[in-house]
Amino acid sequence: MYFDLGFGFGGLLLIAAIFFLASAIRVLREYERGVVFQLGRFWGVKGPGLIIVIPVLQQMVRVDLRTIVLDVPTQDVISRDNVSVKVNAVIYFRVVEPDKAIIQVANFFEATSQLAQTTLRAVLGKHELDDMLAERERLNMDIQQVLDQQTDAWGIKVANVEIKHVDLDESMVRAIARQAEAERERRAKVIHAEGELQASEKLMQAANVLAQQSGAMQLRYMQTLSAITGDKSNTIVFPLPIDLLTGLVDRAGTGQDRQRGQ
């Protein structure tokens, strides 16, 4: 009778010891850390691997150190030039100091999400619509720096911010299309005017060169005649310059004088 009672009590102690060890042993993966509290006070950060947590006296909170992808919901933003747009973004962040992420903020994921939404509206509201459409890289860096600075106290590192979509009203899309078309027409007119200016300058230079040489104009005239006469399908009336006639008359008169002298 006594033997059975002793054996039963020892068995209970053994079972209790096994249960105690099982509840005290924790295994943390490589990307996990355990924030341990002892009697309510912060005791330390443990892991990865096998750790011992004393039941009742100590409590542990697991923290994942992997990068978290946060999809920021669509936000209504009014740009600096009073244009209403809808913007959404994605944020990549991770916990670098597990103790701060647990002690300094109640829910670091929810806090980062809310902060990202307000920061997105605040930063983009300082820029014009053209900047949102054309300079996303710079805006991404601005948002990332603001978020990283504000979440530093929570032990969180914001690695990257990407603006996904900037949605406009249909009326604004049509206005932007008209503006782009007007800009293309303006550039075409400017290019055409610059071409005309360059052509006129070259023609002026050519005229000056021809004017300096007395026979150059006649030579150019003869070259033009040769080029036109190659096309035999049309009849071309080409005026004869007075200068050319004067030169021919002078040469003919000089030849007759020579014959009479002989």
Protein backbone atom coordinates (compact mmCIF):
# COMPACT_ATOMS: atom_id res chain seq x y z
CA MET A 1 0.00 0.00 0.00
CA TYR A 2 2.76 2.45 0.95
CA PHE A 3 4.82 1.34 -2.01
CA ASP A 4 2.01 2.14 -4.42
CA LEU A 5 1.51 5.62 -2.92
CA GLY A 6 5.23 6.39 -3.12
CA PHE A 7 5.46 5.24 -6.67
CA GLY A 8 2.41 7.28 -7.65
CA PHE A 9 3.82 10.45 -6.08
CA GLY A 10 7.17 9.95 -7.80
CA GLY A 11 5.43 9.40 -11.09
CA LEU A 12 3.55 12.64 -10.68
CA LEU A 13 6.80 14.45 -9.95
CA LEU A 14 8.38 12.94 -13.04
CA ILE A 15 5.44 13.94 -15.19
CA ALA A 16 5.53 17.43 -13.73
CA ALA A 17 9.27 17.69 -14.43
CA ILE A 18 8.79 16.59 -18.03
CA PHE A 19 5.95 19.05 -18.49
CA PHE A 20 8.07 21.81 -16.94
CA LEU A 21 11.00 21.15 -19.28
CA ALA A 22 8.72 20.91 -22.29
CA SER A 23 7.12 24.25 -21.51
CA ALA A 24 10.49 25.87 -20.77
CA ILE A 25 12.20 24.86 -24.00
CA ARG A 26 11.74 27.14 -27.00
CA VAL A 27 13.21 26.75 -30.48
CA LEU A 28 13.56 29.92 -32.56
CA ARG A 29 14.25 29.86 -36.28
CA GLU A 30 17.09 31.82 -37.87
CA TYR A 31 14.80 34.71 -38.78
CA GLU A 32 13.08 34.81 -35.35
CA ARG A 33 13.99 36.47 -32.06
CA GLY A 34 12.38 36.13 -28.66
CA VAL A 35 11.79 39.16 -26.46
CA VAL A 36 11.81 37.78 -22.91
CA PHE A 37 10.14 39.45 -19.93
CA GLN A 38 10.79 38.35 -16.35
CA LEU A 39 8.07 39.24 -13.88
CA GLY A 40 6.86 41.90 -16.27
CA ARG A 41 10.26 43.53 -16.79
CA PHE A 42 12.30 43.35 -19.99
CA TRP A 43 14.98 40.72 -19.49
CA GLY A 44 16.63 40.31 -22.90
CA VAL A 45 16.43 39.24 -26.56
CA LYS A 46 17.10 35.57 -27.22
CA GLY A 47 17.61 33.44 -30.26
CA PRO A 48 17.95 31.94 -32.73
CA GLY A 49 18.18 28.30 -31.69
CA LEU A 50 17.30 26.54 -28.44
CA ILE A 51 16.48 28.76 -25.45
CA ILE A 52 15.06 28.18 -21.99
CA VAL A 53 12.13 30.24 -20.68
CA ILE A 54 11.23 29.66 -17.04
CA PRO A 55 7.47 29.08 -16.82
CA VAL A 56 5.44 31.53 -14.74
CA LEU A 57 8.48 33.73 -14.08
CA GLN A 58 9.28 34.53 -17.69
CA GLN A 59 7.24 35.21 -20.83
CA MET A 60 8.48 35.37 -24.42
CA VAL A 61 7.17 37.22 -27.48
CA ARG A 62 8.28 36.01 -30.90
CA VAL A 63 9.33 38.61 -33.45
CA ASP A 64 9.83 37.92 -37.15
CA LEU A 65 12.86 39.72 -38.62
CA ARG A 66 12.06 39.06 -42.28
CA THR A 67 11.12 41.86 -44.66
CA ILE A 68 7.41 42.65 -44.55
CA VAL A 69 5.55 43.83 -47.65
CA LEU A 70 2.91 46.39 -46.75
CA ASP A 71 0.34 47.37 -49.37
CA VAL A 72 -0.79 50.92 -48.59
CA PRO A 73 -4.50 51.39 -49.44
CA THR A 74 -5.50 53.94 -52.04
CA GLN A 75 -5.30 57.47 -50.68
CA ASP A 76 -7.03 60.63 -51.91
CA VAL A 77 -4.31 63.23 -52.43
CA ILE A 78 -4.68 66.89 -53.43
CA SER A 79 -1.54 68.08 -55.17
CA ARG A 80 0.00 71.51 -54.73
CA ASP A 81 -1.68 72.69 -57.95
CA ASN A 82 -5.11 71.61 -56.56
CA VAL A 83 -5.54 68.42 -58.58
CA SER A 84 -7.30 65.51 -56.85
CA VAL A 85 -5.69 62.11 -57.51
CA LYS A 86 -5.85 58.63 -56.02
CA VAL A 87 -2.49 57.12 -55.11
CA ASN A 88 -1.49 53.77 -53.68
CA ALA A 89 1.93 52.42 -52.82
CA VAL A 90 3.83 49.44 -51.43
CA ILE A 91 6.33 49.59 -48.56
CA TYR A 92 9.09 47.13 -47.65
CA PHE A 93 10.21 47.20 -44.01
CA ARG A 94 11.63 44.91 -41.35
CA VAL A 95 12.26 44.82 -37.62
CA VAL A 96 15.91 45.45 -36.71
CA GLU A 97 15.49 45.93 -32.93
CA PRO A 98 12.92 43.44 -31.58
CA ASP A 99 12.84 44.91 -28.08
CA LYS A 100 11.80 48.36 -29.32
CA ALA A 101 9.24 46.89 -31.72
CA ILE A 102 7.50 45.19 -28.77
CA ILE A 103 8.03 47.74 -26.00
CA GLN A 104 7.74 51.10 -27.76
CA VAL A 105 4.58 50.45 -29.78
CA ALA A 106 1.54 48.26 -29.18
CA ASN A 107 1.28 46.88 -32.73
CA PHE A 108 4.21 47.86 -34.95
CA PHE A 109 2.57 46.53 -38.14
CA GLU A 110 -0.63 48.55 -37.68
CA ALA A 111 1.34 51.61 -36.56
CA THR A 112 3.58 51.46 -39.63
CA SER A 113 0.57 51.04 -41.91
CA GLN A 114 -1.22 54.10 -40.51
CA LEU A 115 1.96 56.17 -40.58
CA ALA A 116 2.58 55.18 -44.20
CA GLN A 117 -0.89 56.37 -45.23
CA THR A 118 -0.55 59.78 -43.58
CA THR A 119 3.02 60.23 -44.85
CA LEU A 120 1.97 59.37 -48.39
CA ARG A 121 -0.70 62.07 -48.35
CA ALA A 122 1.56 64.64 -46.67
CA VAL A 123 4.58 64.21 -48.96
CA LEU A 124 2.68 63.99 -52.25
CA GLY A 125 0.51 66.97 -51.29
CA LYS A 126 3.63 69.15 -51.42
CA HIS A 127 4.27 68.38 -55.10
CA GLU A 128 2.50 69.20 -58.33
CA LEU A 129 0.80 66.66 -60.56
CA ASP A 130 3.62 66.72 -63.12
CA ASP A 131 6.08 65.68 -60.40
CA MET A 132 3.88 62.74 -59.38
CA LEU A 133 3.79 61.49 -62.96
CA ALA A 134 7.38 62.19 -64.02
CA GLU A 135 9.52 62.05 -60.87
CA ARG A 136 8.37 58.98 -58.99
CA GLU A 137 11.88 57.91 -58.06
CA ARG A 138 12.52 61.15 -56.18
CA LEU A 139 9.12 60.97 -54.47
CA ASN A 140 9.78 57.36 -53.44
CA MET A 141 13.03 58.45 -51.81
CA ASP A 142 11.34 61.33 -50.00
CA ILE A 143 8.61 59.09 -48.57
CA GLN A 144 11.13 56.41 -47.61
CA GLN A 145 13.33 58.88 -45.73
CA VAL A 146 10.40 60.34 -43.78
CA LEU A 147 9.06 56.92 -42.82
CA ASP A 148 12.47 55.57 -41.88
CA GLN A 149 13.14 58.54 -39.63
CA GLN A 150 9.81 58.29 -37.81
CA THR A 151 9.87 54.50 -37.36
CA ASP A 152 13.44 54.44 -36.08
CA ALA A 153 12.16 54.77 -32.49
CA TRP A 154 10.15 51.58 -33.00
CA GLY A 155 13.18 49.58 -34.11
CA ILE A 156 11.91 49.37 -37.71
CA LYS A 157 13.91 49.93 -40.89
CA VAL A 158 11.99 51.04 -43.99
CA ALA A 159 14.02 49.65 -46.89
CA ASN A 160 12.03 50.80 -49.89
CA VAL A 161 8.86 52.62 -50.98
CA GLU A 162 7.28 52.29 -54.42
CA ILE A 163 4.34 54.34 -55.72
CA LYS A 164 2.22 51.87 -57.70
CA HIS A 165 -0.55 53.90 -59.33
CA VAL A 166 -1.56 57.53 -59.73
CA ASP A 167 -5.18 57.53 -60.93
CA LEU A 168 -6.75 60.66 -62.45
CA ASP A 169 -10.30 61.65 -63.35
CA GLU A 170 -11.31 61.29 -67.00
CA SER A 171 -11.59 65.07 -67.40
CA MET A 172 -8.04 65.50 -66.13
CA VAL A 173 -6.79 62.75 -68.46
CA ARG A 174 -8.34 64.56 -71.44
CA ALA A 175 -6.84 67.86 -70.29
CA ILE A 176 -3.39 66.28 -70.04
CA ALA A 177 -3.80 64.76 -73.51
CA ARG A 178 -4.68 68.17 -74.96
CA GLN A 179 -1.73 69.72 -73.19
CA ALA A 180 0.62 67.06 -74.57
CA GLU A 181 -0.74 67.57 -78.10
CA ALA A 182 -0.28 71.34 -77.84
CA GLU A 183 3.26 70.81 -76.59
CA ARG A 184 4.07 68.55 -79.55
CA GLU A 185 2.69 71.12 -81.99
CA ARG A 186 4.75 73.85 -80.34
CA ARG A 187 7.91 71.79 -80.62
CA ALA A 188 7.19 71.02 -84.29
CA LYS A 189 6.75 74.70 -85.07
CA VAL A 190 9.93 75.61 -83.22
CA ILE A 191 11.91 72.93 -85.07
CA HIS A 192 10.47 74.08 -88.41
CA ALA A 193 11.34 77.73 -87.67
CA GLU A 194 14.86 76.78 -86.63
CA GLY A 195 15.26 74.84 -89.88
CA GLU A 196 14.07 77.82 -91.91
CA LEU A 197 16.50 80.09 -90.06
CA GLN A 198 19.44 77.78 -90.68
CA ALA A 199 18.49 77.40 -94.36
CA SER A 200 18.27 81.18 -94.83
CA GLU A 201 21.66 81.64 -93.19
CA LYS A 202 23.22 79.07 -95.52
CA LEU A 203 21.56 80.68 -98.55
CA MET A 204 22.89 84.07 -97.48
CA GLN A 205 26.38 82.66 -97.17
CA ALA A 206 26.11 81.06 -100.62
CA ALA A 207 24.88 84.34 -102.14
CA ASN A 208 27.80 86.23 -100.63
CA VAL A 209 30.28 83.70 -102.03
CA LEU A 210 28.69 83.89 -105.52
CA ALA A 211 28.66 87.68 -105.43
CA GLN A 212 32.38 87.86 -104.73
CA GLN A 213 33.29 85.94 -107.92
CA SER A 214 32.17 87.40 -111.25
CA GLY A 215 32.08 84.07 -113.09
CA ALA A 216 30.63 82.03 -110.27
CA MET A 217 27.04 83.11 -110.91
CA GLN A 218 27.30 82.28 -114.60
CA LEU A 219 28.78 78.87 -113.78
CA ARG A 220 25.94 78.15 -111.37
CA TYR A 221 23.44 79.26 -114.01
CA MET A 222 24.90 76.84 -116.55
CA GLN A 223 24.83 73.98 -114.04
CA THR A 224 21.15 74.64 -113.36
CA LEU A 225 20.41 74.62 -117.11
CA SER A 226 22.22 71.30 -117.49
CA ALA A 227 20.24 69.76 -114.65
CA ILE A 228 16.87 70.95 -115.99
CA THR A 229 17.44 69.88 -119.61
CA GLY A 230 17.89 66.28 -118.51
CA ASP A 231 14.07 66.02 -118.20
CA LYS A 232 12.73 65.95 -121.82
CA SER A 233 9.08 65.48 -120.92
CA ASN A 234 8.38 69.16 -120.34
CA THR A 235 9.09 72.37 -122.18
CA ILE A 236 10.93 74.81 -119.94
CA VAL A 237 11.31 78.52 -120.62
CA PHE A 238 14.38 79.67 -118.75
CA PRO A 239 15.20 83.40 -118.59
CA LEU A 240 18.68 84.41 -119.62
CA PRO A 241 20.42 86.73 -117.16
CA ILE A 242 21.51 90.17 -118.39
CA ASP A 243 24.97 89.67 -116.94
CA LEU A 244 25.47 86.58 -119.04
CA LEU A 245 24.27 88.39 -122.19
CA THR A 246 26.59 91.29 -121.49
CA GLY A 247 29.54 88.94 -121.16
CA LEU A 248 28.66 87.19 -124.42
CA VAL A 249 28.23 90.51 -126.30
CA ASP A 250 31.55 91.79 -125.01
CA ARG A 251 33.31 88.65 -126.11
CA ALA A 252 31.68 88.78 -129.57
CA GLY A 253 32.67 92.47 -130.01
CA THR A 254 36.22 91.73 -129.04
CA GLY A 255 36.41 88.92 -131.57
CA GLN A 256 35.12 91.11 -134.42
CA ASP A 257 37.62 93.83 -133.59
CA ARG A 258 40.44 91.34 -133.78
CA GLN A 259 39.26 90.09 -137.20
CA ARG A 260 39.08 93.65 -138.58
CA GLY A 261 42.54 94.40 -137.26
CA GLN A 262 43.91 91.44 -139.14
